[in-house]
C-alpha atoms as a PDB file:
ATOM      1  CA  MET A   1     -37.893 -10.117  10.756  1.00  0.00           C
ATOM      2  CA  PRO A   2     -34.335  -9.485  12.017  1.00  0.00           C
ATOM      3  CA  LEU A   3     -31.617  -8.788   9.512  1.00  0.00           C
ATOM      4  CA  PHE A   4     -28.420 -10.775   9.922  1.00  0.00           C
ATOM      5  CA  LEU A   5     -25.174  -9.805   8.258  1.00  0.00           C
ATOM      6  CA  ALA A   6     -22.631 -12.418   7.361  1.00  0.00           C
ATOM      7  CA  PRO A   7     -19.325 -11.963   9.191  1.00  0.00           C
ATOM      8  CA  VAL A   8     -16.562 -10.474   7.094  1.00  0.00           C
ATOM      9  CA  GLU A   9     -13.190 -12.123   7.389  1.00  0.00           C
ATOM     10  CA  ILE A  10     -10.328  -9.628   7.591  1.00  0.00           C
ATOM     11  CA  ARG A  11      -6.868 -11.102   7.262  1.00  0.00           C
ATOM     12  CA  SER A  12      -3.652  -9.381   8.212  1.00  0.00           C
ATOM     13  CA  ARG A  13      -0.321  -9.441   6.415  1.00  0.00           C
ATOM     14  CA  ARG A  14       2.912  -8.505   8.204  1.00  0.00           C
ATOM     15  CA  ASP A  15       6.436  -7.929   6.945  1.00  0.00           C
ATOM     16  CA  VAL A  16       5.427  -8.448   3.311  1.00  0.00           C
ATOM     17  CA  ASP A  17       8.353  -7.882   0.942  1.00  0.00           C
ATOM     18  CA  LEU A  18       7.384  -5.327  -1.696  1.00  0.00           C
ATOM     19  CA  VAL A  19       8.267  -5.869  -5.347  1.00  0.00           C
ATOM     20  CA  GLN A  20       9.224  -3.022  -7.681  1.00  0.00           C
ATOM     21  CA  VAL A  21       6.855  -2.584 -10.621  1.00  0.00           C
ATOM     22  CA  SER A  22       8.422  -1.621 -13.942  1.00  0.00           C
ATOM     23  CA  GLY A  23       7.314   1.703 -15.353  1.00  0.00           C
ATOM     24  CA  GLY A  24       8.080   5.398 -15.456  1.00  0.00           C
ATOM     25  CA  THR A  25       7.514   6.072 -11.755  1.00  0.00           C
ATOM     26  CA  PHE A  26       8.868   4.201  -8.763  1.00  0.00           C
ATOM     27  CA  GLN A  27       6.077   1.834  -7.754  1.00  0.00           C
ATOM     28  CA  LEU A  28       5.914  -1.108  -5.386  1.00  0.00           C
ATOM     29  CA  SER A  29       3.365  -3.913  -5.424  1.00  0.00           C
ATOM     30  CA  THR A  30       2.062  -5.881  -2.450  1.00  0.00           C
ATOM     31  CA  GLY A  31       0.824  -8.822  -4.516  1.00  0.00           C
ATOM     32  CA  ASP A  32      -2.442  -8.602  -2.525  1.00  0.00           C
ATOM     33  CA  LYS A  33      -5.329  -6.186  -2.580  1.00  0.00           C
ATOM     34  CA  PHE A  34      -5.230  -4.238   0.700  1.00  0.00           C
ATOM     35  CA  ILE A  35      -7.409  -1.931   2.758  1.00  0.00           C
ATOM     36  CA  PRO A  36      -5.693   1.443   2.146  1.00  0.00           C
ATOM     37  CA  SER A  37      -6.289   2.868   5.618  1.00  0.00           C
ATOM     38  CA  THR A  38      -4.430  -0.078   7.205  1.00  0.00           C
ATOM     39  CA  LEU A  39      -1.249   0.101   5.105  1.00  0.00           C
ATOM     40  CA  GLN A  40       2.065   0.787   6.825  1.00  0.00           C
ATOM     41  CA  VAL A  41       5.131   0.960   4.547  1.00  0.00           C
ATOM     42  CA  PHE A  42       8.709   0.585   5.799  1.00  0.00           C
ATOM     43  CA  HIS A  43      12.009   1.410   4.087  1.00  0.00           C
ATOM     44  CA  ASN A  44      15.119  -0.139   5.663  1.00  0.00           C
ATOM     45  CA  GLY A  45      13.110  -0.492   8.884  1.00  0.00           C
ATOM     46  CA  ARG A  46      11.896   3.138   8.988  1.00  0.00           C
ATOM     47  CA  ARG A  47       8.154   3.721   8.671  1.00  0.00           C
ATOM     48  CA  LEU A  48       7.228   5.980   5.759  1.00  0.00           C
ATOM     49  CA  LYS A  49       4.452   8.566   5.858  1.00  0.00           C
ATOM     50  CA  ARG A  50       1.504   8.334   3.464  1.00  0.00           C
ATOM     51  CA  ALA A  51       0.835  11.588   1.596  1.00  0.00           C
ATOM     52  CA  SER A  52      -2.697  12.832   2.220  1.00  0.00           C
ATOM     53  CA  SER A  53      -2.717  15.272  -0.689  1.00  0.00           C
ATOM     54  CA  GLY A  54      -1.331  12.948  -3.340  1.00  0.00           C
ATOM     55  CA  THR A  55       1.831  15.038  -3.636  1.00  0.00           C
ATOM     56  CA  PRO A  56       5.260  14.726  -1.993  1.00  0.00           C
ATOM     57  CA  VAL A  57       4.630  17.875   0.054  1.00  0.00           C
ATOM     58  CA  ASP A  58       3.235  16.015   3.067  1.00  0.00           C
ATOM     59  CA  GLY A  59       4.406  12.414   2.713  1.00  0.00           C
ATOM     60  CA  ASP A  60       6.605   9.762   1.142  1.00  0.00           C
ATOM     61  CA  TYR A  61       4.070   7.743  -0.884  1.00  0.00           C
ATOM     62  CA  THR A  62       0.503   7.335  -2.137  1.00  0.00           C
ATOM     63  CA  VAL A  63      -1.521   4.217  -2.948  1.00  0.00           C
ATOM     64  CA  SER A  64      -3.356   3.324  -6.136  1.00  0.00           C
ATOM     65  CA  GLU A  65      -5.160   0.559  -7.970  1.00  0.00           C
ATOM     66  CA  SER A  66      -3.239  -1.183 -10.750  1.00  0.00           C
ATOM     67  CA  GLY A  67      -6.460  -2.030 -12.577  1.00  0.00           C
ATOM     68  CA  VAL A  68      -9.662  -0.166 -13.291  1.00  0.00           C
ATOM     69  CA  PRO A  69     -11.230   1.934 -10.512  1.00  0.00           C
ATOM     70  CA  GLY A  70     -12.854  -0.363  -7.980  1.00  0.00           C
ATOM     71  CA  SER A  71     -10.491  -3.266  -8.679  1.00  0.00           C
ATOM     72  CA  GLY A  72      -8.720  -2.878  -5.330  1.00  0.00           C
ATOM     73  CA  TYR A  73      -5.630  -1.131  -4.011  1.00  0.00           C
ATOM     74  CA  ASP A  74      -2.359  -3.011  -4.528  1.00  0.00           C
ATOM     75  CA  THR A  75       0.227  -0.405  -5.617  1.00  0.00           C
ATOM     76  CA  ILE A  76       2.425   2.013  -3.655  1.00  0.00           C
ATOM     77  CA  ASN A  77       3.841   5.077  -5.468  1.00  0.00           C
ATOM     78  CA  VAL A  78       7.058   6.334  -3.833  1.00  0.00           C
ATOM     79  CA  PHE A  79       7.949  10.022  -4.300  1.00  0.00           C
ATOM     80  CA  SER A  80      11.423  10.573  -2.919  1.00  0.00           C
ATOM     81  CA  PRO A  81      14.391   9.457  -5.033  1.00  0.00           C
ATOM     82  CA  ASN A  82      16.327   9.190  -1.744  1.00  0.00           C
ATOM     83  CA  ILE A  83      14.279   6.167  -0.707  1.00  0.00           C
ATOM     84  CA  GLN A  84      14.028   4.288  -3.988  1.00  0.00           C
ATOM     85  CA  GLN A  85      16.722   1.781  -3.103  1.00  0.00           C
ATOM     86  CA  GLY A  86      16.991  -0.541  -0.151  1.00  0.00           C
ATOM     87  CA  THR A  87      14.581  -2.936   1.500  1.00  0.00           C
ATOM     88  CA  PHE A  88      10.847  -2.246   1.479  1.00  0.00           C
ATOM     89  CA  PHE A  89       8.180  -4.143   3.394  1.00  0.00           C
ATOM     90  CA  ALA A  90       4.615  -3.479   4.510  1.00  0.00           C
ATOM     91  CA  ASP A  91       1.941  -4.412   7.026  1.00  0.00           C
ATOM     92  CA  TYR A  92      -1.730  -4.253   6.020  1.00  0.00           C
ATOM     93  CA  LEU A  93      -5.150  -5.883   6.202  1.00  0.00           C
ATOM     94  CA  VAL A  94      -6.717  -7.586   3.210  1.00  0.00           C
ATOM     95  CA  PRO A  95     -10.467  -7.593   2.565  1.00  0.00           C
END
């Protein structure tokens, strides 16, 4: 008997304004859960680099879940104080 998988709908979001989350670190929220590997973050029109190590050594930001693990990625943690003001927007896919 053949196995059929239901199609998965992937939706894209472009030029989404990011909202600052209150707290001790500089965080931005997309308002949607996103697929982390598809996220592109922009500051005043310049694309930022995602840190692969989770530290500011090799990038400008990391991503995290605002809820419990497995709840879905929706938060961007910005490292550099030089880029914590201005206009932020993002492109990403949502599951």
